């Protein structure tokens, strides 16, 4: 199974495979790979006669094979792309075509919202003559790296705090994240190439002082005044500060903090390696948390976060507002 980088590297030098199976939970990489193959294999004039777009709901495997067997017109390649391929019931019929695929056809299968069982024979058959790529959802800890890398390709830098604000606000929907980052790039003055928290506050609508990232920091530092100010701001602006993302961020932090207590090497580098963080500086917040919270307290906090999550969904709660639930949770964490 190949990586995104390996496919892009080959496509860049026009080293194409007769078939690509792009599957998985993360749409972003499936879309980017398929678009890059098409744009590299065909110019705009060639696309008119040599690009066939099919949709899983409207086609079947026999039609896919018939289109794949055609020859290109006035072009080195033709591209056949099957979008929403998960709606085709069975891909077993593709086996016959895979025995002798046309080298002039690039068949791209975009199988979203899941993957074909890798133990199935058809996956192994595709790997023999083509490439199989599984696009997985990024973990929350990987989002800052994605944001920085995306902007670096566009020759834009971003402050660490601004990165955290975007990761917290958008989450791991990478297509949405790319769209929000593109908006930020457009709004930057011509002589500016670095995104700051002020840029995000002005153009995305996230407060640089009152957000989940700052609430987490206030709890790590046990800054009671700052934490309560943020809770009040959230309560006064519920539409822009829903409870669920806050709960998810706090659960992720304290769960990781619990894991860090078992790290054999409690240096920045050791903790970063133990948690799979890309940079040692990301481990600082966990070392700070360890200095202020005991293991037992962290276990109790995780239990309380779970209880708060259940109540926010109406389980065992019929009257307490989300703002009040957050106030109670923050009080429990800090005391």
C-alpha atoms as a PDB file:
ATOM      1  CA  UNK A   1       0.000   0.000   0.000  1.00  0.00           C
ATOM      2  CA  UNK A   2       1.564   3.276  -1.158  1.00  0.00           C
ATOM      3  CA  UNK A   3       1.624   6.694   0.502  1.00  0.00           C
ATOM      4  CA  UNK A   4       0.288  10.010  -0.776  1.00  0.00           C
ATOM      5  CA  UNK A   5       3.854  11.278  -1.218  1.00  0.00           C
ATOM      6  CA  UNK A   6       4.888   8.221  -3.270  1.00  0.00           C
ATOM      7  CA  UNK A   7       1.985   8.632  -5.695  1.00  0.00           C
ATOM      8  CA  UNK A   8       2.630  12.371  -6.113  1.00  0.00           C
ATOM      9  CA  UNK A   9       6.343  11.747  -6.704  1.00  0.00           C
ATOM     10  CA  UNK A  10       5.633   9.298  -9.546  1.00  0.00           C
ATOM     11  CA  UNK A  11       2.869  11.378 -11.108  1.00  0.00           C
ATOM     12  CA  UNK A  12       5.099  14.484 -11.084  1.00  0.00           C
ATOM     13  CA  UNK A  13       7.475  12.726 -13.521  1.00  0.00           C
ATOM     14  CA  UNK A  14       4.519  11.311 -15.469  1.00  0.00           C
ATOM     15  CA  UNK A  15       5.103   7.773 -14.295  1.00  0.00           C
ATOM     16  CA  UNK A  16       1.505   6.547 -14.389  1.00  0.00           C
ATOM     17  CA  UNK A  17      -0.127   3.253 -13.471  1.00  0.00           C
ATOM     18  CA  UNK A  18      -3.009   1.774 -15.491  1.00  0.00           C
ATOM     19  CA  UNK A  19      -5.193   1.755 -12.360  1.00  0.00           C
ATOM     20  CA  UNK A  20      -5.391   3.569  -9.015  1.00  0.00           C
ATOM     21  CA  UNK A  21      -7.618   2.497  -6.142  1.00  0.00           C
ATOM     22  CA  UNK A  22      -7.994   5.496  -3.834  1.00  0.00           C
ATOM     23  CA  UNK A  23     -10.035   4.599  -0.766  1.00  0.00           C
ATOM     24  CA  UNK A  24     -10.568   5.583   2.854  1.00  0.00           C
ATOM     25  CA  UNK A  25     -12.306   7.851   5.346  1.00  0.00           C
ATOM     26  CA  UNK A  26     -10.470  11.073   4.430  1.00  0.00           C
ATOM     27  CA  UNK A  27     -11.856  12.598   1.220  1.00  0.00           C
ATOM     28  CA  UNK A  28      -9.187  15.292   0.971  1.00  0.00           C
ATOM     29  CA  UNK A  29      -6.296  13.117  -0.185  1.00  0.00           C
ATOM     30  CA  UNK A  30      -8.509  11.080  -2.520  1.00  0.00           C
ATOM     31  CA  UNK A  31      -9.633  14.304  -4.218  1.00  0.00           C
ATOM     32  CA  UNK A  32      -6.122  15.772  -4.386  1.00  0.00           C
ATOM     33  CA  UNK A  33      -4.527  12.633  -5.841  1.00  0.00           C
ATOM     34  CA  UNK A  34      -7.230  12.128  -8.470  1.00  0.00           C
ATOM     35  CA  UNK A  35      -7.136  15.798  -9.519  1.00  0.00           C
ATOM     36  CA  UNK A  36      -3.333  15.764  -9.739  1.00  0.00           C
ATOM     37  CA  UNK A  37      -3.291  12.640 -11.919  1.00  0.00           C
ATOM     38  CA  UNK A  38      -5.875  14.105 -14.297  1.00  0.00           C
ATOM     39  CA  UNK A  39      -4.183  17.513 -14.561  1.00  0.00           C
ATOM     40  CA  UNK A  40      -0.764  15.946 -15.142  1.00  0.00           C
ATOM     41  CA  UNK A  41      -1.866  13.314 -17.650  1.00  0.00           C
ATOM     42  CA  UNK A  42      -4.106  15.565 -19.761  1.00  0.00           C
ATOM     43  CA  UNK A  43      -3.969  19.192 -20.825  1.00  0.00           C
ATOM     44  CA  UNK A  44      -7.158  21.219 -21.126  1.00  0.00           C
ATOM     45  CA  UNK A  45      -7.669  20.385 -24.812  1.00  0.00           C
ATOM     46  CA  UNK A  46      -7.073  16.659 -24.260  1.00  0.00           C
ATOM     47  CA  UNK A  47      -9.620  16.511 -21.422  1.00  0.00           C
ATOM     48  CA  UNK A  48     -12.483  17.224 -23.830  1.00  0.00           C
ATOM     49  CA  UNK A  49     -12.123  13.857 -25.577  1.00  0.00           C
ATOM     50  CA  UNK A  50     -10.071  11.794 -23.139  1.00  0.00           C
ATOM     51  CA  UNK A  51     -11.563  12.362 -19.690  1.00  0.00           C
ATOM     52  CA  UNK A  52     -14.517  10.194 -18.710  1.00  0.00           C
ATOM     53  CA  UNK A  53     -16.181  10.858 -15.353  1.00  0.00           C
ATOM     54  CA  UNK A  54     -18.450   8.136 -13.984  1.00  0.00           C
ATOM     55  CA  UNK A  55     -20.460   7.943 -10.742  1.00  0.00           C
ATOM     56  CA  UNK A  56     -21.029   4.802  -8.710  1.00  0.00           C
ATOM     57  CA  UNK A  57     -24.781   5.319  -8.362  1.00  0.00           C
ATOM     58  CA  UNK A  58     -25.248   5.681 -12.127  1.00  0.00           C
ATOM     59  CA  UNK A  59     -22.991   2.952 -13.476  1.00  0.00           C
ATOM     60  CA  UNK A  60     -21.847  -0.651 -13.090  1.00  0.00           C
ATOM     61  CA  UNK A  61     -18.607  -2.553 -13.414  1.00  0.00           C
ATOM     62  CA  UNK A  62     -19.312  -3.576 -17.034  1.00  0.00           C
ATOM     63  CA  UNK A  63     -19.626   0.091 -18.078  1.00  0.00           C
ATOM     64  CA  UNK A  64     -16.414   0.932 -16.238  1.00  0.00           C
ATOM     65  CA  UNK A  65     -14.541  -1.800 -18.124  1.00  0.00           C
ATOM     66  CA  UNK A  66     -16.014  -0.776 -21.494  1.00  0.00           C
ATOM     67  CA  UNK A  67     -14.815   2.797 -20.982  1.00  0.00           C
ATOM     68  CA  UNK A  68     -11.405   1.619 -19.796  1.00  0.00           C
ATOM     69  CA  UNK A  69     -10.950  -0.434 -22.981  1.00  0.00           C
ATOM     70  CA  UNK A  70     -11.286   2.607 -25.252  1.00  0.00           C
ATOM     71  CA  UNK A  71      -8.222   4.196 -26.805  1.00  0.00           C
ATOM     72  CA  UNK A  72      -7.290   7.865 -26.430  1.00  0.00           C
ATOM     73  CA  UNK A  73      -7.968  10.422 -29.157  1.00  0.00           C
ATOM     74  CA  UNK A  74      -5.021  12.616 -30.146  1.00  0.00           C
ATOM     75  CA  UNK A  75      -3.463  12.066 -26.717  1.00  0.00           C
ATOM     76  CA  UNK A  76      -1.033   9.673 -25.067  1.00  0.00           C
ATOM     77  CA  UNK A  77      -3.564   8.754 -22.380  1.00  0.00           C
ATOM     78  CA  UNK A  78      -7.237   8.681 -21.603  1.00  0.00           C
ATOM     79  CA  UNK A  79      -8.399   8.952 -17.998  1.00  0.00           C
ATOM     80  CA  UNK A  80     -11.471   7.202 -16.632  1.00  0.00           C
ATOM     81  CA  UNK A  81     -12.416   8.293 -13.117  1.00  0.00           C
ATOM     82  CA  UNK A  82     -15.104   6.548 -11.078  1.00  0.00           C
ATOM     83  CA  UNK A  83     -16.364   8.847  -8.321  1.00  0.00           C
ATOM     84  CA  UNK A  84     -18.352   7.606  -5.312  1.00  0.00           C
ATOM     85  CA  UNK A  85     -17.179   4.117  -6.272  1.00  0.00           C
ATOM     86  CA  UNK A  86     -18.396   2.711  -2.934  1.00  0.00           C
ATOM     87  CA  UNK A  87     -21.891   2.667  -4.474  1.00  0.00           C
ATOM     88  CA  UNK A  88     -20.923  -0.071  -6.941  1.00  0.00           C
ATOM     89  CA  UNK A  89     -21.945  -3.301  -5.222  1.00  0.00           C
ATOM     90  CA  UNK A  90     -19.138  -5.555  -6.396  1.00  0.00           C
ATOM     91  CA  UNK A  91     -15.758  -4.942  -7.995  1.00  0.00           C
ATOM     92  CA  UNK A  92     -14.976  -8.612  -8.601  1.00  0.00           C
ATOM     93  CA  UNK A  93     -15.882  -8.249 -12.279  1.00  0.00           C
ATOM     94  CA  UNK A  94     -12.848  -5.997 -12.755  1.00  0.00           C
ATOM     95  CA  UNK A  95     -10.529  -9.014 -12.428  1.00  0.00           C
ATOM     96  CA  UNK A  96     -10.782  -9.884 -16.122  1.00  0.00           C
ATOM     97  CA  UNK A  97      -9.708  -6.387 -17.205  1.00  0.00           C
ATOM     98  CA  UNK A  98      -6.816  -6.402 -14.710  1.00  0.00           C
ATOM     99  CA  UNK A  99      -5.269  -9.413 -16.440  1.00  0.00           C
ATOM    100  CA  UNK A 100      -4.352  -7.152 -19.366  1.00  0.00           C
ATOM    101  CA  UNK A 101      -5.130  -3.475 -18.666  1.00  0.00           C
ATOM    102  CA  UNK A 102      -4.514  -0.902 -21.400  1.00  0.00           C
ATOM    103  CA  UNK A 103      -1.342   1.097 -20.827  1.00  0.00           C
ATOM    104  CA  UNK A 104      -2.985   4.074 -22.540  1.00  0.00           C
ATOM    105  CA  UNK A 105      -5.831   4.139 -19.970  1.00  0.00           C
ATOM    106  CA  UNK A 106      -5.500   5.538 -16.470  1.00  0.00           C
ATOM    107  CA  UNK A 107      -8.407   4.185 -14.434  1.00  0.00           C
ATOM    108  CA  UNK A 108      -8.975   5.989 -11.122  1.00  0.00           C
ATOM    109  CA  UNK A 109     -11.368   4.457  -8.600  1.00  0.00           C
ATOM    110  CA  UNK A 110     -12.398   6.894  -5.832  1.00  0.00           C
ATOM    111  CA  UNK A 111     -13.880   4.784  -3.034  1.00  0.00           C
ATOM    112  CA  UNK A 112     -14.876   7.169  -0.212  1.00  0.00           C
ATOM    113  CA  UNK A 113     -16.188   6.926   3.365  1.00  0.00           C
ATOM    114  CA  UNK A 114     -14.561   3.558   3.930  1.00  0.00           C
ATOM    115  CA  UNK A 115     -12.268   0.991   2.345  1.00  0.00           C
ATOM    116  CA  UNK A 116     -12.544  -2.237   0.437  1.00  0.00           C
ATOM    117  CA  UNK A 117     -11.457  -5.102   2.697  1.00  0.00           C
ATOM    118  CA  UNK A 118      -7.717  -5.353   1.985  1.00  0.00           C
ATOM    119  CA  UNK A 119      -7.936  -9.137   2.312  1.00  0.00           C
ATOM    120  CA  UNK A 120     -10.141  -9.338  -0.788  1.00  0.00           C
ATOM    121  CA  UNK A 121      -8.617 -10.754  -3.932  1.00  0.00           C
ATOM    122  CA  UNK A 122      -9.503  -7.692  -6.029  1.00  0.00           C
ATOM    123  CA  UNK A 123      -7.290  -5.434  -3.880  1.00  0.00           C
ATOM    124  CA  UNK A 124      -4.282  -7.714  -4.379  1.00  0.00           C
ATOM    125  CA  UNK A 125      -4.990  -7.868  -8.120  1.00  0.00           C
ATOM    126  CA  UNK A 126      -5.081  -4.080  -8.380  1.00  0.00           C
ATOM    127  CA  UNK A 127      -1.791  -3.821  -6.436  1.00  0.00           C
ATOM    128  CA  UNK A 128      -0.088  -6.117  -8.967  1.00  0.00           C
ATOM    129  CA  UNK A 129      -0.676  -3.766 -11.889  1.00  0.00           C
ATOM    130  CA  UNK A 130      -1.436  -0.447 -10.215  1.00  0.00           C
ATOM    131  CA  UNK A 131      -1.497   1.409  -6.901  1.00  0.00           C
ATOM    132  CA  UNK A 132      -3.717   1.107  -3.840  1.00  0.00           C
ATOM    133  CA  UNK A 133      -3.870   4.092  -1.511  1.00  0.00           C
ATOM    134  CA  UNK A 134      -5.777   4.280   1.776  1.00  0.00           C
ATOM    135  CA  UNK A 135      -6.598   7.807   2.929  1.00  0.00           C
ATOM    136  CA  UNK A 136      -6.945   7.891   6.714  1.00  0.00           C
ATOM    137  CA  UNK A 137      -8.412  10.603   8.923  1.00  0.00           C
ATOM    138  CA  UNK A 138      -5.739  12.707  10.602  1.00  0.00           C
ATOM    139  CA  UNK A 139      -5.546  12.643  14.375  1.00  0.00           C
ATOM    140  CA  UNK A 140      -5.996  15.944  16.201  1.00  0.00           C
ATOM    141  CA  UNK A 141      -2.284  16.025  17.058  1.00  0.00           C
ATOM    142  CA  UNK A 142      -1.424  15.841  13.338  1.00  0.00           C
ATOM    143  CA  UNK A 143      -3.496  18.876  12.325  1.00  0.00           C
ATOM    144  CA  UNK A 144      -0.863  21.548  13.142  1.00  0.00           C
ATOM    145  CA  UNK A 145       1.609  19.715  10.897  1.00  0.00           C
ATOM    146  CA  UNK A 146      -0.937  19.583   8.060  1.00  0.00           C
ATOM    147  CA  UNK A 147      -1.723  23.306   8.418  1.00  0.00           C
ATOM    148  CA  UNK A 148       1.952  24.315   8.400  1.00  0.00           C
ATOM    149  CA  UNK A 149       2.779  22.063   5.440  1.00  0.00           C
ATOM    150  CA  UNK A 150      -0.242  23.263   3.422  1.00  0.00           C
ATOM    151  CA  UNK A 151       0.717  26.906   3.910  1.00  0.00           C
ATOM    152  CA  UNK A 152       4.429  26.248   3.321  1.00  0.00           C
ATOM    153  CA  UNK A 153       3.612  24.928  -0.162  1.00  0.00           C
ATOM    154  CA  UNK A 154       1.989  28.306  -0.814  1.00  0.00           C
ATOM    155  CA  UNK A 155       4.994  30.153   0.696  1.00  0.00           C
ATOM    156  CA  UNK A 156       3.039  31.324   3.730  1.00  0.00           C
ATOM    157  CA  UNK A 157       4.060  30.960   7.389  1.00  0.00           C
ATOM    158  CA  UNK A 158       1.773  30.810  10.422  1.00  0.00           C
ATOM    159  CA  UNK A 159       2.231  31.526  14.125  1.00  0.00           C
ATOM    160  CA  UNK A 160       1.984  28.460  16.413  1.00  0.00           C
ATOM    161  CA  UNK A 161      -0.935  29.997  18.316  1.00  0.00           C
ATOM    162  CA  UNK A 162      -2.743  30.732  15.044  1.00  0.00           C
ATOM    163  CA  UNK A 163      -2.159  27.118  14.010  1.00  0.00           C
ATOM    164  CA  UNK A 164      -3.766  25.843  17.196  1.00  0.00           C
ATOM    165  CA  UNK A 165      -6.701  28.223  16.764  1.00  0.00           C
ATOM    166  CA  UNK A 166      -7.384  26.887  13.263  1.00  0.00           C
ATOM    167  CA  UNK A 167      -6.992  23.253  14.344  1.00  0.00           C
ATOM    168  CA  UNK A 168      -9.397  23.786  17.219  1.00  0.00           C
ATOM    169  CA  UNK A 169     -11.956  25.747  15.175  1.00  0.00           C
ATOM    170  CA  UNK A 170     -12.072  23.602  12.025  1.00  0.00           C
ATOM    171  CA  UNK A 171     -11.123  20.137  13.292  1.00  0.00           C
ATOM    172  CA  UNK A 172      -9.929  17.326  11.030  1.00  0.00           C
ATOM    173  CA  UNK A 173     -12.181  18.016   8.036  1.00  0.00           C
ATOM    174  CA  UNK A 174      -9.246  18.651   5.697  1.00  0.00           C
ATOM    175  CA  UNK A 175     -11.298  19.905   2.746  1.00  0.00           C
ATOM    176  CA  UNK A 176     -12.885  22.528   4.987  1.00  0.00           C
ATOM    177  CA  UNK A 177      -9.499  23.328   6.526  1.00  0.00           C
ATOM    178  CA  UNK A 178      -7.948  23.889   3.092  1.00  0.00           C
ATOM    179  CA  UNK A 179     -10.834  26.187   2.177  1.00  0.00           C
ATOM    180  CA  UNK A 180     -10.462  28.264   5.351  1.00  0.00           C
ATOM    181  CA  UNK A 181      -6.688  28.537   4.867  1.00  0.00           C
ATOM    182  CA  UNK A 182      -7.174  29.673   1.270  1.00  0.00           C
ATOM    183  CA  UNK A 183      -9.542  32.400   2.537  1.00  0.00           C
ATOM    184  CA  UNK A 184      -6.856  33.575   4.958  1.00  0.00           C
ATOM    185  CA  UNK A 185      -4.223  33.688   2.215  1.00  0.00           C
ATOM    186  CA  UNK A 186      -6.479  35.827   0.010  1.00  0.00           C
ATOM    187  CA  UNK A 187      -7.065  38.338   2.823  1.00  0.00           C
ATOM    188  CA  UNK A 188      -3.358  38.808   3.613  1.00  0.00           C
ATOM    189  CA  UNK A 189      -1.847  42.121   2.468  1.00  0.00           C
ATOM    190  CA  UNK A 190       0.546  41.771  -0.487  1.00  0.00           C
ATOM    191  CA  UNK A 191       3.623  42.483   1.616  1.00  0.00           C
ATOM    192  CA  UNK A 192       2.673  39.986   4.346  1.00  0.00           C
ATOM    193  CA  UNK A 193       3.475  36.258   4.266  1.00  0.00           C
ATOM    194  CA  UNK A 194       2.760  35.200   7.853  1.00  0.00           C
ATOM    195  CA  UNK A 195      -0.654  34.484   9.393  1.00  0.00           C
ATOM    196  CA  UNK A 196      -1.114  35.749  12.960  1.00  0.00           C
ATOM    197  CA  UNK A 197      -3.853  35.173  15.561  1.00  0.00           C
ATOM    198  CA  UNK A 198      -5.106  38.693  14.729  1.00  0.00           C
ATOM    199  CA  UNK A 199      -5.596  37.663  11.079  1.00  0.00           C
ATOM    200  CA  UNK A 200      -7.686  34.694  12.167  1.00  0.00           C
ATOM    201  CA  UNK A 201      -9.754  36.762  14.589  1.00  0.00           C
ATOM    202  CA  UNK A 202     -10.426  39.356  11.899  1.00  0.00           C
ATOM    203  CA  UNK A 203     -11.159  37.058   8.949  1.00  0.00           C
ATOM    204  CA  UNK A 204     -12.372  33.746  10.397  1.00  0.00           C
ATOM    205  CA  UNK A 205     -14.274  35.085  13.388  1.00  0.00           C
ATOM    206  CA  UNK A 206     -12.410  33.272  16.164  1.00  0.00           C
ATOM    207  CA  UNK A 207     -11.467  35.357  19.203  1.00  0.00           C
ATOM    208  CA  UNK A 208      -7.714  35.215  19.789  1.00  0.00           C
ATOM    209  CA  UNK A 209      -8.266  35.587  23.540  1.00  0.00           C
ATOM    210  CA  UNK A 210     -11.452  33.586  24.100  1.00  0.00           C
ATOM    211  CA  UNK A 211     -11.252  30.196  22.401  1.00  0.00           C
ATOM    212  CA  UNK A 212     -10.791  26.539  23.267  1.00  0.00           C
ATOM    213  CA  UNK A 213      -7.026  26.770  22.824  1.00  0.00           C
ATOM    214  CA  UNK A 214      -6.808  29.554  25.424  1.00  0.00           C
ATOM    215  CA  UNK A 215      -9.210  27.724  27.760  1.00  0.00           C
ATOM    216  CA  UNK A 216      -7.011  24.642  27.618  1.00  0.00           C
ATOM    217  CA  UNK A 217      -3.943  26.742  28.392  1.00  0.00           C
ATOM    218  CA  UNK A 218      -5.709  28.413  31.321  1.00  0.00           C
ATOM    219  CA  UNK A 219      -6.591  24.993  32.753  1.00  0.00           C
ATOM    220  CA  UNK A 220      -3.038  23.723  32.251  1.00  0.00           C
ATOM    221  CA  UNK A 221      -1.679  26.755  34.100  1.00  0.00           C
ATOM    222  CA  UNK A 222      -4.548  26.627  36.643  1.00  0.00           C
ATOM    223  CA  UNK A 223      -5.294  30.259  35.863  1.00  0.00           C
ATOM    224  CA  UNK A 224      -8.718  30.456  37.529  1.00  0.00           C
ATOM    225  CA  UNK A 225      -9.474  34.053  36.539  1.00  0.00           C
ATOM    226  CA  UNK A 226      -8.660  33.554  32.855  1.00  0.00           C
ATOM    227  CA  UNK A 227     -10.546  30.249  32.673  1.00  0.00           C
ATOM    228  CA  UNK A 228     -13.691  31.774  34.172  1.00  0.00           C
ATOM    229  CA  UNK A 229     -13.522  34.756  31.813  1.00  0.00           C
ATOM    230  CA  UNK A 230     -13.421  32.379  28.847  1.00  0.00           C
ATOM    231  CA  UNK A 231     -16.293  30.291  30.237  1.00  0.00           C
ATOM    232  CA  UNK A 232     -18.381  33.463  30.614  1.00  0.00           C
ATOM    233  CA  UNK A 233     -17.529  34.529  27.049  1.00  0.00           C
ATOM    234  CA  UNK A 234     -18.564  31.085  25.748  1.00  0.00           C
ATOM    235  CA  UNK A 235     -21.821  31.292  27.713  1.00  0.00           C
ATOM    236  CA  UNK A 236     -22.544  34.750  26.279  1.00  0.00           C
ATOM    237  CA  UNK A 237     -21.723  33.625  22.707  1.00  0.00           C
ATOM    238  CA  UNK A 238     -23.084  30.052  22.498  1.00  0.00           C
ATOM    239  CA  UNK A 239     -23.514  29.958  18.699  1.00  0.00           C
ATOM    240  CA  UNK A 240     -19.823  30.584  18.075  1.00  0.00           C
ATOM    241  CA  UNK A 241     -18.675  28.395  20.960  1.00  0.00           C
ATOM    242  CA  UNK A 242     -20.625  25.117  21.068  1.00  0.00           C
ATOM    243  CA  UNK A 243     -19.829  22.771  23.942  1.00  0.00           C
ATOM    244  CA  UNK A 244     -18.992  19.599  21.984  1.00  0.00           C
ATOM    245  CA  UNK A 245     -15.713  20.808  20.406  1.00  0.00           C
ATOM    246  CA  UNK A 246     -14.603  22.083  23.830  1.00  0.00           C
ATOM    247  CA  UNK A 247     -15.327  18.715  25.425  1.00  0.00           C
ATOM    248  CA  UNK A 248     -13.495  16.894  22.630  1.00  0.00           C
ATOM    249  CA  UNK A 249     -10.394  19.081  22.995  1.00  0.00           C
ATOM    250  CA  UNK A 250     -10.290  18.740  26.794  1.00  0.00           C
ATOM    251  CA  UNK A 251     -10.845  14.981  26.610  1.00  0.00           C
ATOM    252  CA  UNK A 252      -8.025  14.644  24.089  1.00  0.00           C
ATOM    253  CA  UNK A 253      -5.634  16.675  26.256  1.00  0.00           C
ATOM    254  CA  UNK A 254      -6.340  14.954  29.575  1.00  0.00           C
ATOM    255  CA  UNK A 255      -6.384  11.501  27.963  1.00  0.00           C
ATOM    256  CA  UNK A 256      -2.929  12.158  26.544  1.00  0.00           C
ATOM    257  CA  UNK A 257      -1.827  13.597  29.896  1.00  0.00           C
ATOM    258  CA  UNK A 258      -2.872  10.344  31.565  1.00  0.00           C
ATOM    259  CA  UNK A 259      -0.757   8.420  29.054  1.00  0.00           C
ATOM    260  CA  UNK A 260       2.261  10.657  29.712  1.00  0.00           C
ATOM    261  CA  UNK A 261       2.360   9.517  33.347  1.00  0.00           C
ATOM    262  CA  UNK A 262       3.477   6.131  31.975  1.00  0.00           C
ATOM    263  CA  UNK A 263       6.179   7.547  29.701  1.00  0.00           C
ATOM    264  CA  UNK A 264       9.600   6.092  30.635  1.00  0.00           C
ATOM    265  CA  UNK A 265      11.328   9.296  29.485  1.00  0.00           C
ATOM    266  CA  UNK A 266       9.651  12.429  30.815  1.00  0.00           C
ATOM    267  CA  UNK A 267      11.770  14.928  28.879  1.00  0.00           C
ATOM    268  CA  UNK A 268      10.222  16.992  26.067  1.00  0.00           C
ATOM    269  CA  UNK A 269      11.754  14.714  23.457  1.00  0.00           C
ATOM    270  CA  UNK A 270      10.768  11.549  25.333  1.00  0.00           C
ATOM    271  CA  UNK A 271       7.154  12.615  25.831  1.00  0.00           C
ATOM    272  CA  UNK A 272       6.880  13.759  22.212  1.00  0.00           C
ATOM    273  CA  UNK A 273       8.117  10.374  21.032  1.00  0.00           C
ATOM    274  CA  UNK A 274       5.817   8.493  23.446  1.00  0.00           C
ATOM    275  CA  UNK A 275       2.731  10.399  22.211  1.00  0.00           C
ATOM    276  CA  UNK A 276       3.789  10.436  18.559  1.00  0.00           C
ATOM    277  CA  UNK A 277       4.036  14.239  18.433  1.00  0.00           C
ATOM    278  CA  UNK A 278       5.922  15.754  15.510  1.00  0.00           C
ATOM    279  CA  UNK A 279       7.866  18.294  17.557  1.00  0.00           C
ATOM    280  CA  UNK A 280       9.287  18.209  21.122  1.00  0.00           C
ATOM    281  CA  UNK A 281       7.893  21.688  21.874  1.00  0.00           C
ATOM    282  CA  UNK A 282       4.380  20.215  21.606  1.00  0.00           C
ATOM    283  CA  UNK A 283       5.193  18.157  24.715  1.00  0.00           C
ATOM    284  CA  UNK A 284       5.606  21.259  26.901  1.00  0.00           C
ATOM    285  CA  UNK A 285       1.908  21.505  27.698  1.00  0.00           C
ATOM    286  CA  UNK A 286       1.889  17.912  28.957  1.00  0.00           C
ATOM    287  CA  UNK A 287       4.926  18.449  31.178  1.00  0.00           C
ATOM    288  CA  UNK A 288       3.214  21.565  32.556  1.00  0.00           C
ATOM    289  CA  UNK A 289       0.060  19.547  33.189  1.00  0.00           C
ATOM    290  CA  UNK A 290       1.997  16.844  35.023  1.00  0.00           C
ATOM    291  CA  UNK A 291       3.462  19.452  37.364  1.00  0.00           C
ATOM    292  CA  UNK A 292       0.007  20.681  38.371  1.00  0.00           C
ATOM    293  CA  UNK A 293      -2.239  17.610  38.244  1.00  0.00           C
ATOM    294  CA  UNK A 294      -1.774  14.211  39.883  1.00  0.00           C
ATOM    295  CA  UNK A 295      -2.524  10.978  38.079  1.00  0.00           C
ATOM    296  CA  UNK A 296      -5.560  10.361  40.275  1.00  0.00           C
ATOM    297  CA  UNK A 297      -6.925  13.852  39.588  1.00  0.00           C
ATOM    298  CA  UNK A 298      -6.480  13.376  35.840  1.00  0.00           C
ATOM    299  CA  UNK A 299      -8.395  10.076  35.992  1.00  0.00           C
ATOM    300  CA  UNK A 300     -11.219  11.834  37.844  1.00  0.00           C
ATOM    301  CA  UNK A 301     -11.188  14.701  35.329  1.00  0.00           C
ATOM    302  CA  UNK A 302     -11.558  12.247  32.429  1.00  0.00           C
ATOM    303  CA  UNK A 303     -14.529  10.652  34.191  1.00  0.00           C
ATOM    304  CA  UNK A 304     -16.083  14.098  34.735  1.00  0.00           C
ATOM    305  CA  UNK A 305     -15.560  15.058  31.075  1.00  0.00           C
ATOM    306  CA  UNK A 306     -17.369  11.881  30.028  1.00  0.00           C
ATOM    307  CA  UNK A 307     -20.211  12.723  32.420  1.00  0.00           C
ATOM    308  CA  UNK A 308     -20.401  16.259  31.042  1.00  0.00           C
ATOM    309  CA  UNK A 309     -20.477  14.915  27.487  1.00  0.00           C
ATOM    310  CA  UNK A 310     -23.377  12.598  28.329  1.00  0.00           C
ATOM    311  CA  UNK A 311     -25.324  15.417  30.012  1.00  0.00           C
ATOM    312  CA  UNK A 312     -24.735  17.714  27.029  1.00  0.00           C
ATOM    313  CA  UNK A 313     -26.489  15.087  24.901  1.00  0.00           C
ATOM    314  CA  UNK A 314     -29.485  14.933  27.232  1.00  0.00           C
ATOM    315  CA  UNK A 315     -28.510  11.814  29.176  1.00  0.00           C
ATOM    316  CA  UNK A 316     -29.429  12.342  32.819  1.00  0.00           C
ATOM    317  CA  UNK A 317     -29.998  16.043  32.226  1.00  0.00           C
ATOM    318  CA  UNK A 318     -33.157  17.867  31.266  1.00  0.00           C
ATOM    319  CA  UNK A 319     -32.567  21.442  32.377  1.00  0.00           C
ATOM    320  CA  UNK A 320     -28.894  22.428  32.770  1.00  0.00           C
ATOM    321  CA  UNK A 321     -27.637  24.673  29.953  1.00  0.00           C
ATOM    322  CA  UNK A 322     -24.437  23.939  28.066  1.00  0.00           C
ATOM    323  CA  UNK A 323     -22.854  27.067  29.538  1.00  0.00           C
ATOM    324  CA  UNK A 324     -23.624  25.855  33.052  1.00  0.00           C
ATOM    325  CA  UNK A 325     -22.296  22.368  32.234  1.00  0.00           C
ATOM    326  CA  UNK A 326     -19.004  23.882  31.096  1.00  0.00           C
ATOM    327  CA  UNK A 327     -18.810  26.094  34.198  1.00  0.00           C
ATOM    328  CA  UNK A 328     -19.279  23.031  36.441  1.00  0.00           C
ATOM    329  CA  UNK A 329     -16.688  21.041  34.477  1.00  0.00           C
ATOM    330  CA  UNK A 330     -14.086  23.818  34.629  1.00  0.00           C
ATOM    331  CA  UNK A 331     -14.701  24.280  38.373  1.00  0.00           C
ATOM    332  CA  UNK A 332     -14.158  20.521  38.902  1.00  0.00           C
ATOM    333  CA  UNK A 333     -10.920  20.566  36.911  1.00  0.00           C
ATOM    334  CA  UNK A 334      -9.490  23.553  38.761  1.00  0.00           C
ATOM    335  CA  UNK A 335     -10.431  22.518  42.315  1.00  0.00           C
END
